[in-house]
PDB file of N, CA and C in Angstrom:
ATOM      1  N   UNK A   1     -44.618 -12.391  -1.046  1.00  0.00           N
ATOM      2  CA  UNK A   1     -44.564 -12.447  -2.549  1.00  0.00           C
ATOM      3  C   UNK A   1     -43.235 -12.446  -3.028  1.00  0.00           C
ATOM      4  N   UNK A   2     -43.026 -13.354  -3.934  1.00  0.00           N
ATOM      5  CA  UNK A   2     -41.687 -13.418  -4.558  1.00  0.00           C
ATOM      6  C   UNK A   2     -41.486 -12.368  -5.598  1.00  0.00           C
ATOM      7  N   UNK A   3     -40.249 -12.053  -5.936  1.00  0.00           N
ATOM      8  CA  UNK A   3     -39.883 -10.990  -6.904  1.00  0.00           C
ATOM      9  C   UNK A   3     -40.574 -11.150  -8.206  1.00  0.00           C
ATOM     10  N   UNK A   4     -40.586 -12.464  -8.707  1.00  0.00           N
ATOM     11  CA  UNK A   4     -41.046 -12.743 -10.103  1.00  0.00           C
ATOM     12  C   UNK A   4     -42.462 -12.448 -10.160  1.00  0.00           C
ATOM     13  N   UNK A   5     -43.184 -12.740  -9.047  1.00  0.00           N
ATOM     14  CA  UNK A   5     -44.713 -12.611  -9.011  1.00  0.00           C
ATOM     15  C   UNK A   5     -44.946 -11.100  -8.958  1.00  0.00           C
ATOM     16  N   UNK A   6     -44.181 -10.388  -8.052  1.00  0.00           N
ATOM     17  CA  UNK A   6     -44.274  -8.915  -7.932  1.00  0.00           C
ATOM     18  C   UNK A   6     -44.118  -8.264  -9.369  1.00  0.00           C
ATOM     19  N   UNK A   7     -43.086  -8.660 -10.083  1.00  0.00           N
ATOM     20  CA  UNK A   7     -42.825  -8.046 -11.407  1.00  0.00           C
ATOM     21  C   UNK A   7     -43.931  -8.381 -12.452  1.00  0.00           C
ATOM     22  N   UNK A   8     -44.496  -9.586 -12.358  1.00  0.00           N
ATOM     23  CA  UNK A   8     -45.575  -9.956 -13.213  1.00  0.00           C
ATOM     24  C   UNK A   8     -46.786  -9.135 -12.958  1.00  0.00           C
ATOM     25  N   UNK A   9     -47.125  -8.839 -11.614  1.00  0.00           N
ATOM     26  CA  UNK A   9     -48.259  -8.035 -11.288  1.00  0.00           C
ATOM     27  C   UNK A   9     -48.049  -6.580 -11.705  1.00  0.00           C
ATOM     28  N   UNK A  10     -46.832  -6.168 -11.459  1.00  0.00           N
ATOM     29  CA  UNK A  10     -46.659  -4.738 -11.934  1.00  0.00           C
ATOM     30  C   UNK A  10     -46.664  -4.655 -13.465  1.00  0.00           C
ATOM     31  N   UNK A  11     -46.309  -5.570 -14.118  1.00  0.00           N
ATOM     32  CA  UNK A  11     -46.275  -5.507 -15.624  1.00  0.00           C
ATOM     33  C   UNK A  11     -47.816  -5.556 -16.129  1.00  0.00           C
ATOM     34  N   UNK A  12     -48.537  -6.478 -15.331  1.00  0.00           N
ATOM     35  CA  UNK A  12     -50.012  -6.511 -15.632  1.00  0.00           C
ATOM     36  C   UNK A  12     -50.681  -5.214 -15.411  1.00  0.00           C
ATOM     37  N   UNK A  13     -50.349  -4.555 -14.315  1.00  0.00           N
ATOM     38  CA  UNK A  13     -50.938  -3.152 -14.026  1.00  0.00           C
ATOM     39  C   UNK A  13     -50.605  -2.238 -15.044  1.00  0.00           C
ATOM     40  N   UNK A  14     -49.347  -2.216 -15.481  1.00  0.00           N
ATOM     41  CA  UNK A  14     -48.838  -1.266 -16.525  1.00  0.00           C
ATOM     42  C   UNK A  14     -49.699  -1.565 -17.908  1.00  0.00           C
ATOM     43  N   UNK A  15     -49.802  -2.778 -18.176  1.00  0.00           N
ATOM     44  CA  UNK A  15     -50.592  -3.110 -19.414  1.00  0.00           C
ATOM     45  C   UNK A  15     -52.020  -2.715 -19.373  1.00  0.00           C
ATOM     46  N   UNK A  16     -52.617  -2.756 -18.101  1.00  0.00           N
ATOM     47  CA  UNK A  16     -54.060  -2.332 -17.867  1.00  0.00           C
ATOM     48  C   UNK A  16     -54.027  -0.778 -18.082  1.00  0.00           C
ATOM     49  N   UNK A  17     -53.081  -0.164 -17.500  1.00  0.00           N
ATOM     50  CA  UNK A  17     -53.094   1.301 -17.604  1.00  0.00           C
ATOM     51  C   UNK A  17     -52.914   1.794 -19.031  1.00  0.00           C
ATOM     52  N   UNK A  18     -52.004   1.062 -19.775  1.00  0.00           N
ATOM     53  CA  UNK A  18     -51.873   1.367 -21.146  1.00  0.00           C
ATOM     54  C   UNK A  18     -53.181   1.043 -21.983  1.00  0.00           C
ATOM     55  N   UNK A  19     -53.980   0.131 -21.689  1.00  0.00           N
ATOM     56  CA  UNK A  19     -55.192  -0.276 -22.280  1.00  0.00           C
ATOM     57  C   UNK A  19     -56.114   0.767 -21.874  1.00  0.00           C
ATOM     58  N   UNK A  20     -56.235   1.184 -20.669  1.00  0.00           N
ATOM     59  CA  UNK A  20     -57.113   2.228 -20.337  1.00  0.00           C
ATOM     60  C   UNK A  20     -56.964   3.535 -21.011  1.00  0.00           C
ATOM     61  N   UNK A  21     -55.743   3.940 -21.192  1.00  0.00           N
ATOM     62  CA  UNK A  21     -55.361   5.209 -21.883  1.00  0.00           C
ATOM     63  C   UNK A  21     -55.439   5.232 -23.276  1.00  0.00           C
ATOM     64  N   UNK A  22     -55.162   3.927 -24.007  1.00  0.00           N
ATOM     65  CA  UNK A  22     -55.107   3.814 -25.430  1.00  0.00           C
ATOM     66  C   UNK A  22     -56.515   3.489 -25.959  1.00  0.00           C
ATOM     67  N   UNK A  23     -57.216   2.572 -25.254  1.00  0.00           N
ATOM     68  CA  UNK A  23     -58.426   1.940 -25.813  1.00  0.00           C
ATOM     69  C   UNK A  23     -59.680   2.514 -25.204  1.00  0.00           C
ATOM     70  N   UNK A  24     -59.669   2.442 -23.852  1.00  0.00           N
ATOM     71  CA  UNK A  24     -60.787   2.829 -23.120  1.00  0.00           C
ATOM     72  C   UNK A  24     -61.114   4.399 -23.138  1.00  0.00           C
ATOM     73  N   UNK A  25     -60.006   5.083 -23.029  1.00  0.00           N
ATOM     74  CA  UNK A  25     -60.172   6.625 -22.884  1.00  0.00           C
ATOM     75  C   UNK A  25     -59.177   7.372 -23.758  1.00  0.00           C
ATOM     76  N   UNK A  26     -59.263   7.036 -25.104  1.00  0.00           N
ATOM     77  CA  UNK A  26     -58.360   7.810 -25.964  1.00  0.00           C
ATOM     78  C   UNK A  26     -58.669   9.315 -26.085  1.00  0.00           C
ATOM     79  N   UNK A  27     -59.934   9.707 -25.608  1.00  0.00           N
ATOM     80  CA  UNK A  27     -60.440  11.079 -25.590  1.00  0.00           C
ATOM     81  C   UNK A  27     -59.691  11.916 -24.621  1.00  0.00           C
ATOM     82  N   UNK A  28     -58.988  11.210 -23.691  1.00  0.00           N
ATOM     83  CA  UNK A  28     -58.355  12.107 -22.576  1.00  0.00           C
ATOM     84  C   UNK A  28     -57.130  12.616 -23.302  1.00  0.00           C
ATOM     85  N   UNK A  29     -56.970  13.921 -23.230  1.00  0.00           N
ATOM     86  CA  UNK A  29     -55.702  14.461 -23.885  1.00  0.00           C
ATOM     87  C   UNK A  29     -54.514  14.376 -23.072  1.00  0.00           C
ATOM     88  N   UNK A  30     -53.359  14.186 -23.689  1.00  0.00           N
ATOM     89  CA  UNK A  30     -52.085  14.189 -23.063  1.00  0.00           C
ATOM     90  C   UNK A  30     -51.849  15.432 -22.239  1.00  0.00           C
ATOM     91  N   UNK A  31     -52.191  16.622 -22.889  1.00  0.00           N
ATOM     92  CA  UNK A  31     -51.992  17.827 -22.053  1.00  0.00           C
ATOM     93  C   UNK A  31     -52.654  17.861 -20.800  1.00  0.00           C
ATOM     94  N   UNK A  32     -53.935  17.277 -20.781  1.00  0.00           N
ATOM     95  CA  UNK A  32     -54.683  17.280 -19.535  1.00  0.00           C
ATOM     96  C   UNK A  32     -54.145  16.271 -18.575  1.00  0.00           C
ATOM     97  N   UNK A  33     -53.647  15.183 -18.942  1.00  0.00           N
ATOM     98  CA  UNK A  33     -52.951  14.305 -18.012  1.00  0.00           C
ATOM     99  C   UNK A  33     -51.780  14.907 -17.419  1.00  0.00           C
ATOM    100  N   UNK A  34     -50.897  15.616 -18.264  1.00  0.00           N
ATOM    101  CA  UNK A  34     -49.809  16.200 -17.723  1.00  0.00           C
ATOM    102  C   UNK A  34     -50.079  17.229 -16.713  1.00  0.00           C
ATOM    103  N   UNK A  35     -51.128  18.161 -17.205  1.00  0.00           N
ATOM    104  CA  UNK A  35     -51.466  19.240 -16.337  1.00  0.00           C
ATOM    105  C   UNK A  35     -52.103  18.855 -14.942  1.00  0.00           C
ATOM    106  N   UNK A  36     -52.865  17.752 -14.891  1.00  0.00           N
ATOM    107  CA  UNK A  36     -53.496  17.323 -13.720  1.00  0.00           C
ATOM    108  C   UNK A  36     -52.579  16.317 -13.013  1.00  0.00           C
ATOM    109  N   UNK A  37     -51.905  15.389 -13.602  1.00  0.00           N
ATOM    110  CA  UNK A  37     -51.297  14.345 -12.973  1.00  0.00           C
ATOM    111  C   UNK A  37     -49.720  14.339 -13.053  1.00  0.00           C
ATOM    112  N   UNK A  38     -49.106  15.213 -13.889  1.00  0.00           N
ATOM    113  CA  UNK A  38     -47.789  15.329 -13.921  1.00  0.00           C
ATOM    114  C   UNK A  38     -47.093  14.341 -14.734  1.00  0.00           C
ATOM    115  N   UNK A  39     -47.912  13.571 -15.579  1.00  0.00           N
ATOM    116  CA  UNK A  39     -47.409  12.566 -16.607  1.00  0.00           C
ATOM    117  C   UNK A  39     -48.496  12.372 -17.649  1.00  0.00           C
ATOM    118  N   UNK A  40     -48.011  11.720 -18.808  1.00  0.00           N
ATOM    119  CA  UNK A  40     -48.874  11.533 -19.849  1.00  0.00           C
ATOM    120  C   UNK A  40     -48.350  10.327 -20.495  1.00  0.00           C
ATOM    121  N   UNK A  41     -49.090   9.945 -21.683  1.00  0.00           N
ATOM    122  CA  UNK A  41     -48.618   8.795 -22.493  1.00  0.00           C
ATOM    123  C   UNK A  41     -47.269   8.912 -22.874  1.00  0.00           C
ATOM    124  N   UNK A  42     -46.785  10.163 -23.274  1.00  0.00           N
ATOM    125  CA  UNK A  42     -45.351  10.098 -23.766  1.00  0.00           C
ATOM    126  C   UNK A  42     -44.438  10.048 -22.649  1.00  0.00           C
ATOM    127  N   UNK A  43     -44.713  10.378 -21.417  1.00  0.00           N
ATOM    128  CA  UNK A  43     -43.968  10.017 -20.245  1.00  0.00           C
ATOM    129  C   UNK A  43     -43.932   8.459 -20.007  1.00  0.00           C
ATOM    130  N   UNK A  44     -44.959   7.783 -20.156  1.00  0.00           N
ATOM    131  CA  UNK A  44     -45.028   6.309 -20.083  1.00  0.00           C
ATOM    132  C   UNK A  44     -44.097   5.786 -21.158  1.00  0.00           C
ATOM    133  N   UNK A  45     -44.227   6.269 -22.290  1.00  0.00           N
ATOM    134  CA  UNK A  45     -43.295   5.680 -23.460  1.00  0.00           C
ATOM    135  C   UNK A  45     -41.835   6.033 -23.147  1.00  0.00           C
ATOM    136  N   UNK A  46     -41.475   7.180 -22.563  1.00  0.00           N
ATOM    137  CA  UNK A  46     -40.194   7.515 -22.249  1.00  0.00           C
ATOM    138  C   UNK A  46     -39.722   6.598 -21.129  1.00  0.00           C
ATOM    139  N   UNK A  47     -40.494   6.281 -20.158  1.00  0.00           N
ATOM    140  CA  UNK A  47     -40.142   5.414 -19.068  1.00  0.00           C
ATOM    141  C   UNK A  47     -39.835   4.058 -19.596  1.00  0.00           C
ATOM    142  N   UNK A  48     -40.687   3.567 -20.504  1.00  0.00           N
ATOM    143  CA  UNK A  48     -40.422   2.379 -21.272  1.00  0.00           C
ATOM    144  C   UNK A  48     -39.016   2.328 -21.943  1.00  0.00           C
ATOM    145  N   UNK A  49     -38.738   3.446 -22.745  1.00  0.00           N
ATOM    146  CA  UNK A  49     -37.408   3.529 -23.286  1.00  0.00           C
ATOM    147  C   UNK A  49     -36.288   3.545 -22.340  1.00  0.00           C
ATOM    148  N   UNK A  50     -36.464   4.229 -21.226  1.00  0.00           N
ATOM    149  CA  UNK A  50     -35.346   4.178 -20.143  1.00  0.00           C
ATOM    150  C   UNK A  50     -35.138   2.875 -19.541  1.00  0.00           C
ATOM    151  N   UNK A  51     -36.218   2.083 -19.336  1.00  0.00           N
ATOM    152  CA  UNK A  51     -36.099   0.828 -18.730  1.00  0.00           C
ATOM    153  C   UNK A  51     -35.340  -0.137 -19.829  1.00  0.00           C
ATOM    154  N   UNK A  52     -35.737   0.014 -21.036  1.00  0.00           N
ATOM    155  CA  UNK A  52     -35.119  -0.806 -22.108  1.00  0.00           C
ATOM    156  C   UNK A  52     -33.582  -0.420 -22.137  1.00  0.00           C
ATOM    157  N   UNK A  53     -33.243   0.789 -22.199  1.00  0.00           N
ATOM    158  CA  UNK A  53     -31.967   1.166 -22.132  1.00  0.00           C
ATOM    159  C   UNK A  53     -31.095   0.801 -20.908  1.00  0.00           C
ATOM    160  N   UNK A  54     -31.691   0.770 -19.863  1.00  0.00           N
ATOM    161  CA  UNK A  54     -31.027   0.324 -18.615  1.00  0.00           C
ATOM    162  C   UNK A  54     -30.748  -1.244 -18.672  1.00  0.00           C
ATOM    163  N   UNK A  55     -31.435  -1.901 -19.571  1.00  0.00           N
ATOM    164  CA  UNK A  55     -31.081  -3.316 -19.848  1.00  0.00           C
ATOM    165  C   UNK A  55     -30.107  -3.431 -20.928  1.00  0.00           C
ATOM    166  N   UNK A  56     -29.762  -2.434 -21.616  1.00  0.00           N
ATOM    167  CA  UNK A  56     -28.760  -2.477 -22.719  1.00  0.00           C
ATOM    168  C   UNK A  56     -29.492  -2.608 -24.051  1.00  0.00           C
ATOM    169  N   UNK A  57     -30.772  -2.283 -24.109  1.00  0.00           N
ATOM    170  CA  UNK A  57     -31.620  -2.381 -25.275  1.00  0.00           C
ATOM    171  C   UNK A  57     -31.676  -1.016 -25.973  1.00  0.00           C
ATOM    172  N   UNK A  58     -31.091  -0.840 -27.001  1.00  0.00           N
ATOM    173  CA  UNK A  58     -31.170   0.525 -27.745  1.00  0.00           C
ATOM    174  C   UNK A  58     -32.575   0.790 -28.189  1.00  0.00           C
ATOM    175  N   UNK A  59     -33.039   1.838 -28.009  1.00  0.00           N
ATOM    176  CA  UNK A  59     -34.496   2.206 -28.291  1.00  0.00           C
ATOM    177  C   UNK A  59     -34.625   3.672 -28.313  1.00  0.00           C
ATOM    178  N   UNK A  60     -35.119   4.168 -29.722  1.00  0.00           N
ATOM    179  CA  UNK A  60     -35.237   5.597 -29.867  1.00  0.00           C
ATOM    180  C   UNK A  60     -36.592   6.023 -29.168  1.00  0.00           C
ATOM    181  N   UNK A  61     -36.721   7.307 -29.113  1.00  0.00           N
ATOM    182  CA  UNK A  61     -38.058   7.933 -28.539  1.00  0.00           C
ATOM    183  C   UNK A  61     -39.115   7.530 -29.403  1.00  0.00           C
ATOM    184  N   UNK A  62     -38.948   7.544 -30.765  1.00  0.00           N
ATOM    185  CA  UNK A  62     -40.049   7.150 -31.706  1.00  0.00           C
ATOM    186  C   UNK A  62     -40.399   5.715 -31.556  1.00  0.00           C
ATOM    187  N   UNK A  63     -39.321   4.790 -31.413  1.00  0.00           N
ATOM    188  CA  UNK A  63     -39.497   3.414 -31.346  1.00  0.00           C
ATOM    189  C   UNK A  63     -40.519   3.199 -29.948  1.00  0.00           C
ATOM    190  N   UNK A  64     -40.044   3.884 -28.928  1.00  0.00           N
ATOM    191  CA  UNK A  64     -40.673   3.634 -27.586  1.00  0.00           C
ATOM    192  C   UNK A  64     -42.162   4.038 -27.683  1.00  0.00           C
ATOM    193  N   UNK A  65     -42.281   5.300 -28.326  1.00  0.00           N
ATOM    194  CA  UNK A  65     -43.680   5.776 -28.512  1.00  0.00           C
ATOM    195  C   UNK A  65     -44.579   4.787 -29.335  1.00  0.00           C
ATOM    196  N   UNK A  66     -43.968   4.185 -30.466  1.00  0.00           N
ATOM    197  CA  UNK A  66     -44.728   3.257 -31.231  1.00  0.00           C
ATOM    198  C   UNK A  66     -45.140   2.008 -30.360  1.00  0.00           C
ATOM    199  N   UNK A  67     -44.273   1.525 -29.661  1.00  0.00           N
ATOM    200  CA  UNK A  67     -44.486   0.347 -28.719  1.00  0.00           C
ATOM    201  C   UNK A  67     -45.627   0.807 -27.834  1.00  0.00           C
ATOM    202  N   UNK A  68     -45.635   1.909 -27.152  1.00  0.00           N
ATOM    203  CA  UNK A  68     -46.715   2.279 -26.308  1.00  0.00           C
ATOM    204  C   UNK A  68     -48.003   2.613 -27.044  1.00  0.00           C
ATOM    205  N   UNK A  69     -47.916   3.362 -28.031  1.00  0.00           N
ATOM    206  CA  UNK A  69     -49.122   3.828 -28.723  1.00  0.00           C
ATOM    207  C   UNK A  69     -49.713   2.802 -29.669  1.00  0.00           C
ATOM    208  N   UNK A  70     -48.920   1.770 -29.999  1.00  0.00           N
ATOM    209  CA  UNK A  70     -49.371   0.781 -30.949  1.00  0.00           C
ATOM    210  C   UNK A  70     -49.386   1.126 -32.321  1.00  0.00           C
ATOM    211  N   UNK A  71     -48.896   2.383 -32.758  1.00  0.00           N
ATOM    212  CA  UNK A  71     -48.850   2.901 -34.005  1.00  0.00           C
ATOM    213  C   UNK A  71     -47.864   4.089 -33.916  1.00  0.00           C
ATOM    214  N   UNK A  72     -47.469   4.611 -35.135  1.00  0.00           N
ATOM    215  CA  UNK A  72     -46.559   5.731 -35.038  1.00  0.00           C
ATOM    216  C   UNK A  72     -47.200   6.962 -34.345  1.00  0.00           C
ATOM    217  N   UNK A  73     -46.498   7.642 -33.506  1.00  0.00           N
ATOM    218  CA  UNK A  73     -47.073   8.654 -32.623  1.00  0.00           C
ATOM    219  C   UNK A  73     -47.845   9.764 -33.560  1.00  0.00           C
ATOM    220  N   UNK A  74     -47.246  10.139 -34.658  1.00  0.00           N
ATOM    221  CA  UNK A  74     -47.934  11.113 -35.473  1.00  0.00           C
ATOM    222  C   UNK A  74     -49.306  10.653 -35.969  1.00  0.00           C
ATOM    223  N   UNK A  75     -49.371   9.372 -36.188  1.00  0.00           N
ATOM    224  CA  UNK A  75     -50.762   8.860 -36.591  1.00  0.00           C
ATOM    225  C   UNK A  75     -51.781   8.892 -35.408  1.00  0.00           C
ATOM    226  N   UNK A  76     -51.161   8.670 -34.087  1.00  0.00           N
ATOM    227  CA  UNK A  76     -52.026   8.790 -32.967  1.00  0.00           C
ATOM    228  C   UNK A  76     -52.473  10.379 -32.886  1.00  0.00           C
ATOM    229  N   UNK A  77     -51.499  11.204 -32.960  1.00  0.00           N
ATOM    230  CA  UNK A  77     -51.869  12.617 -32.848  1.00  0.00           C
ATOM    231  C   UNK A  77     -52.950  13.004 -33.805  1.00  0.00           C
ATOM    232  N   UNK A  78     -52.730  12.522 -35.089  1.00  0.00           N
ATOM    233  CA  UNK A  78     -53.794  12.946 -36.039  1.00  0.00           C
ATOM    234  C   UNK A  78     -55.123  12.495 -35.826  1.00  0.00           C
ATOM    235  N   UNK A  79     -55.281  11.370 -35.156  1.00  0.00           N
ATOM    236  CA  UNK A  79     -56.566  10.740 -35.043  1.00  0.00           C
ATOM    237  C   UNK A  79     -57.091  10.971 -33.605  1.00  0.00           C
ATOM    238  N   UNK A  80     -56.265  11.572 -32.717  1.00  0.00           N
ATOM    239  CA  UNK A  80     -56.834  11.661 -31.303  1.00  0.00           C
ATOM    240  C   UNK A  80     -56.508  12.944 -30.577  1.00  0.00           C
ATOM    241  N   UNK A  81     -55.510  13.687 -30.882  1.00  0.00           N
ATOM    242  CA  UNK A  81     -55.121  14.847 -30.311  1.00  0.00           C
ATOM    243  C   UNK A  81     -55.798  16.120 -30.765  1.00  0.00           C
ATOM    244  N   UNK A  82     -56.440  16.850 -29.821  1.00  0.00           N
ATOM    245  CA  UNK A  82     -57.141  18.105 -30.137  1.00  0.00           C
ATOM    246  C   UNK A  82     -56.184  19.329 -29.985  1.00  0.00           C
ATOM    247  N   UNK A  83     -56.456  20.352 -30.501  1.00  0.00           N
ATOM    248  CA  UNK A  83     -55.676  21.591 -30.203  1.00  0.00           C
ATOM    249  C   UNK A  83     -55.836  22.026 -28.919  1.00  0.00           C
ATOM    250  N   UNK A  84     -54.743  22.509 -28.271  1.00  0.00           N
ATOM    251  CA  UNK A  84     -54.854  22.886 -26.955  1.00  0.00           C
ATOM    252  C   UNK A  84     -54.998  24.529 -26.861  1.00  0.00           C
ATOM    253  N   UNK A  85     -55.835  25.008 -25.896  1.00  0.00           N
ATOM    254  CA  UNK A  85     -55.946  26.454 -25.697  1.00  0.00           C
ATOM    255  C   UNK A  85     -54.699  27.060 -25.268  1.00  0.00           C
ATOM    256  N   UNK A  86     -54.537  28.386 -25.399  1.00  0.00           N
ATOM    257  CA  UNK A  86     -53.278  29.024 -24.851  1.00  0.00           C
ATOM    258  C   UNK A  86     -53.173  28.806 -23.382  1.00  0.00           C
ATOM    259  N   UNK A  87     -54.281  28.783 -22.625  1.00  0.00           N
ATOM    260  CA  UNK A  87     -54.250  28.588 -21.155  1.00  0.00           C
ATOM    261  C   UNK A  87     -53.690  27.184 -20.808  1.00  0.00           C
ATOM    262  N   UNK A  88     -54.125  26.128 -21.601  1.00  0.00           N
ATOM    263  CA  UNK A  88     -53.743  24.838 -21.293  1.00  0.00           C
ATOM    264  C   UNK A  88     -52.171  24.654 -21.609  1.00  0.00           C
ATOM    265  N   UNK A  89     -51.760  25.376 -22.704  1.00  0.00           N
ATOM    266  CA  UNK A  89     -50.476  25.413 -23.110  1.00  0.00           C
ATOM    267  C   UNK A  89     -49.503  25.916 -21.928  1.00  0.00           C
ATOM    268  N   UNK A  90     -49.979  26.972 -21.400  1.00  0.00           N
ATOM    269  CA  UNK A  90     -49.262  27.750 -20.431  1.00  0.00           C
ATOM    270  C   UNK A  90     -49.126  26.840 -19.276  1.00  0.00           C
ATOM    271  N   UNK A  91     -50.190  26.201 -18.921  1.00  0.00           N
ATOM    272  CA  UNK A  91     -50.322  25.243 -17.766  1.00  0.00           C
ATOM    273  C   UNK A  91     -49.311  24.112 -18.049  1.00  0.00           C
ATOM    274  N   UNK A  92     -49.390  23.587 -19.188  1.00  0.00           N
ATOM    275  CA  UNK A  92     -48.462  22.432 -19.538  1.00  0.00           C
ATOM    276  C   UNK A  92     -47.108  22.768 -19.295  1.00  0.00           C
ATOM    277  N   UNK A  93     -46.640  24.089 -19.836  1.00  0.00           N
ATOM    278  CA  UNK A  93     -45.229  24.446 -19.696  1.00  0.00           C
ATOM    279  C   UNK A  93     -44.790  24.428 -18.253  1.00  0.00           C
ATOM    280  N   UNK A  94     -45.711  24.804 -17.353  1.00  0.00           N
ATOM    281  CA  UNK A  94     -45.377  24.784 -15.956  1.00  0.00           C
ATOM    282  C   UNK A  94     -45.312  23.410 -15.414  1.00  0.00           C
ATOM    283  N   UNK A  95     -46.274  22.623 -15.774  1.00  0.00           N
ATOM    284  CA  UNK A  95     -46.277  21.217 -15.352  1.00  0.00           C
ATOM    285  C   UNK A  95     -45.161  20.422 -15.928  1.00  0.00           C
ATOM    286  N   UNK A  96     -44.841  20.668 -17.008  1.00  0.00           N
ATOM    287  CA  UNK A  96     -43.671  20.022 -17.777  1.00  0.00           C
ATOM    288  C   UNK A  96     -42.375  20.276 -17.113  1.00  0.00           C
ATOM    289  N   UNK A  97     -42.091  21.642 -16.777  1.00  0.00           N
ATOM    290  CA  UNK A  97     -40.959  22.058 -16.093  1.00  0.00           C
ATOM    291  C   UNK A  97     -40.832  21.403 -14.758  1.00  0.00           C
ATOM    292  N   UNK A  98     -41.989  21.241 -13.994  1.00  0.00           N
ATOM    293  CA  UNK A  98     -42.018  20.867 -12.660  1.00  0.00           C
ATOM    294  C   UNK A  98     -41.856  19.315 -12.615  1.00  0.00           C
ATOM    295  N   UNK A  99     -42.368  18.583 -13.539  1.00  0.00           N
ATOM    296  CA  UNK A  99     -42.421  17.142 -13.528  1.00  0.00           C
ATOM    297  C   UNK A  99     -41.312  16.494 -14.441  1.00  0.00           C
ATOM    298  N   UNK A 100     -40.909  17.108 -15.400  1.00  0.00           N
ATOM    299  CA  UNK A 100     -40.032  16.400 -16.443  1.00  0.00           C
ATOM    300  C   UNK A 100     -38.773  17.222 -16.557  1.00  0.00           C
ATOM    301  N   UNK A 101     -38.757  18.470 -16.638  1.00  0.00           N
ATOM    302  CA  UNK A 101     -37.615  19.287 -16.746  1.00  0.00           C
ATOM    303  C   UNK A 101     -37.453  19.799 -18.113  1.00  0.00           C
ATOM    304  N   UNK A 102     -36.326  20.026 -18.705  1.00  0.00           N
ATOM    305  CA  UNK A 102     -36.090  20.504 -20.034  1.00  0.00           C
ATOM    306  C   UNK A 102     -36.148  19.570 -21.120  1.00  0.00           C
ATOM    307  N   UNK A 103     -36.375  18.335 -20.830  1.00  0.00           N
ATOM    308  CA  UNK A 103     -36.480  17.331 -21.904  1.00  0.00           C
ATOM    309  C   UNK A 103     -37.883  17.394 -22.712  1.00  0.00           C
ATOM    310  N   UNK A 104     -37.700  17.296 -24.011  1.00  0.00           N
ATOM    311  CA  UNK A 104     -39.009  17.385 -24.805  1.00  0.00           C
ATOM    312  C   UNK A 104     -39.747  16.033 -24.757  1.00  0.00           C
ATOM    313  N   UNK A 105     -41.000  16.036 -24.518  1.00  0.00           N
ATOM    314  CA  UNK A 105     -41.923  14.866 -24.579  1.00  0.00           C
ATOM    315  C   UNK A 105     -42.480  14.762 -25.894  1.00  0.00           C
TER     316      UNK A 105
END
């Protein structure tokens, strides 16, 4: 497989993952994704931002989130994010430290 085809397939898989998380399963909470898988929608938007910056494209965290979420992040949170229990929040702090470090998602 040539490099261009591999990149196209990877991009298609990313778009399908984005569709799955944003359209097919918006009920799945970011905190649950992070606690179980070590990443969430915010991580995916951060990775998008990092890829843009690696190519010399300036992009803020908010801009990257809007690209991934398809709307401002605060609007997504208002429509889809439920309050997390203290137990889930504690689990998240551990998962975040293990998988992301000190950076705020």
